[in-house]
Amino acid sequence: MAGLDVIRQPEEPRTQDEAMERQSRVHTVAMPEGAPFGAAEAAPFGFTRMISVDDMLTWLATASKVTTANPAERAAGLARSRTALEARAVRAAGALVVKMPMRSWCWRADRLPR
């Protein structure tokens, strides 16, 4: 959920497209010149997970920019995130839950003969 950048100020929106572009850039694998690997492949795999709003906030609170923020900034960011999550949540088994899109970024390469 691109809108859950906890410490980012609300007037600095970040779209899903911008978030995906950043993730693609961050997860790009570039082998150094002369590396003994060939036939490199990369692929993202998407899936969803149902997670309670409270568990999602606990998860968000573990991000380094959240844990290192000053207490007021952390509280404000988590409050904005709670509001955004609750707006998307449904009640299931007595808890507010959201469908959390997840993505695993995977890569593999063949080791070249020595």
Protein backbone atom coordinates (compact mmCIF):
# COMPACT_ATOMS: atom_id res chain seq x y z
CA MET A 1 0.00 0.00 0.00
CA ALA A 2 1.94 2.92 -1.34
CA GLY A 3 0.07 5.42 0.84
CA LEU A 4 1.44 3.93 4.04
CA ASP A 5 4.82 5.64 3.98
CA VAL A 6 4.56 6.30 7.72
CA ILE A 7 7.03 9.15 8.12
CA ARG A 8 6.34 10.86 4.77
CA GLN A 9 4.23 13.98 5.16
CA PRO A 10 0.65 13.81 3.81
CA GLU A 11 1.34 16.59 1.28
CA GLU A 12 3.98 14.35 -0.36
CA PRO A 13 1.83 11.65 -1.99
CA ARG A 14 3.42 8.51 -3.36
CA THR A 15 1.47 6.54 -5.91
CA GLN A 16 1.49 2.78 -6.38
CA ASP A 17 3.29 3.26 -9.71
CA GLU A 18 6.02 5.32 -8.01
CA ALA A 19 6.35 2.69 -5.27
CA MET A 20 6.61 -0.15 -7.80
CA GLU A 21 9.21 1.76 -9.85
CA ARG A 22 11.30 2.28 -6.71
CA GLN A 23 11.00 -1.37 -5.72
CA SER A 24 12.04 -2.48 -9.21
CA ARG A 25 15.08 -0.21 -9.00
CA VAL A 26 16.01 -1.32 -5.48
CA HIS A 27 15.70 -5.02 -6.35
CA THR A 28 17.67 -4.92 -9.60
CA VAL A 29 20.61 -7.34 -9.57
CA ALA A 30 23.72 -6.26 -11.45
CA MET A 31 26.62 -8.69 -11.54
CA PRO A 32 30.09 -7.14 -11.41
CA GLU A 33 32.28 -7.42 -14.49
CA GLY A 34 33.89 -10.87 -14.62
CA ALA A 35 31.45 -12.48 -12.16
CA PRO A 36 31.32 -16.26 -12.76
CA PHE A 37 27.59 -16.29 -13.47
CA GLY A 38 25.48 -16.41 -16.62
CA ALA A 39 21.86 -16.74 -17.68
CA ALA A 40 20.63 -14.44 -14.91
CA GLU A 41 16.86 -14.15 -14.51
CA ALA A 42 14.69 -12.04 -12.24
CA ALA A 43 10.97 -12.22 -11.57
CA PRO A 44 8.54 -10.67 -9.08
CA PHE A 45 5.77 -12.83 -7.63
CA GLY A 46 2.70 -11.12 -6.23
CA PHE A 47 0.29 -12.45 -3.65
CA THR A 48 -2.04 -11.07 -0.99
CA ARG A 49 -2.31 -11.58 2.73
CA MET A 50 -5.17 -10.69 5.02
CA ILE A 51 -3.78 -8.86 8.03
CA SER A 52 -5.42 -7.02 10.91
CA VAL A 53 -5.03 -3.26 11.08
CA ASP A 54 -3.29 -3.59 14.44
CA ASP A 55 -0.83 -6.19 13.12
CA MET A 56 -0.16 -4.05 10.05
CA LEU A 57 0.63 -1.04 12.23
CA THR A 58 2.94 -3.16 14.39
CA TRP A 59 4.71 -4.29 11.21
CA LEU A 60 4.98 -0.73 9.85
CA ALA A 61 6.40 0.44 13.17
CA THR A 62 9.43 -1.84 12.72
CA ALA A 63 10.72 0.05 9.66
CA SER A 64 14.04 1.75 10.44
CA LYS A 65 12.84 5.23 9.47
CA VAL A 66 9.96 4.78 11.92
CA THR A 67 12.03 3.43 14.81
CA THR A 68 14.57 6.25 14.38
CA ALA A 69 12.00 9.05 13.99
CA ASN A 70 11.32 11.38 16.87
CA PRO A 71 8.35 10.26 19.01
CA ALA A 72 5.95 12.94 17.70
CA GLU A 73 6.76 12.19 14.05
CA ARG A 74 6.39 8.44 14.70
CA ALA A 75 3.02 8.87 16.42
CA ALA A 76 1.71 11.17 13.66
CA GLY A 77 2.86 8.78 10.92
CA LEU A 78 1.29 5.76 12.58
CA ALA A 79 -1.94 7.71 13.15
CA ARG A 80 -2.08 8.63 9.43
CA SER A 81 -1.46 4.99 8.56
CA ARG A 82 -4.22 3.81 10.92
CA THR A 83 -6.67 6.21 9.27
CA ALA A 84 -5.69 5.00 5.78
CA LEU A 85 -5.90 1.34 6.78
CA GLU A 86 -9.24 1.66 8.56
CA ALA A 87 -10.69 3.34 5.45
CA ARG A 88 -9.84 0.16 3.46
CA ALA A 89 -10.60 -2.39 6.18
CA VAL A 90 -13.43 -4.88 6.52
CA ARG A 91 -14.50 -6.65 9.68
CA ALA A 92 -13.68 -10.36 9.79
CA ALA A 93 -13.68 -12.63 12.84
CA GLY A 94 -14.10 -9.61 15.11
CA ALA A 95 -11.11 -7.67 13.78
CA LEU A 96 -10.60 -4.99 11.18
CA VAL A 97 -8.52 -6.55 8.39
CA VAL A 98 -7.04 -5.35 5.13
CA LYS A 99 -5.97 -7.26 2.07
CA MET A 100 -2.24 -6.56 1.92
CA PRO A 101 -0.60 -6.91 -1.49
CA MET A 102 2.82 -8.53 -1.16
CA ARG A 103 5.59 -9.09 -3.67
CA SER A 104 8.62 -11.34 -3.56
CA TRP A 105 11.49 -10.24 -5.80
CA CYS A 106 13.51 -13.29 -6.84
CA TRP A 107 16.53 -13.83 -9.02
CA ARG A 108 18.73 -16.71 -10.06
CA ALA A 109 21.82 -17.22 -12.17
CA ASP A 110 23.78 -20.20 -13.46
CA ARG A 111 27.29 -20.53 -12.11
CA LEU A 112 29.73 -20.74 -15.00
CA PRO A 113 32.25 -23.60 -15.11
CA ARG A 114 35.61 -22.79 -13.55
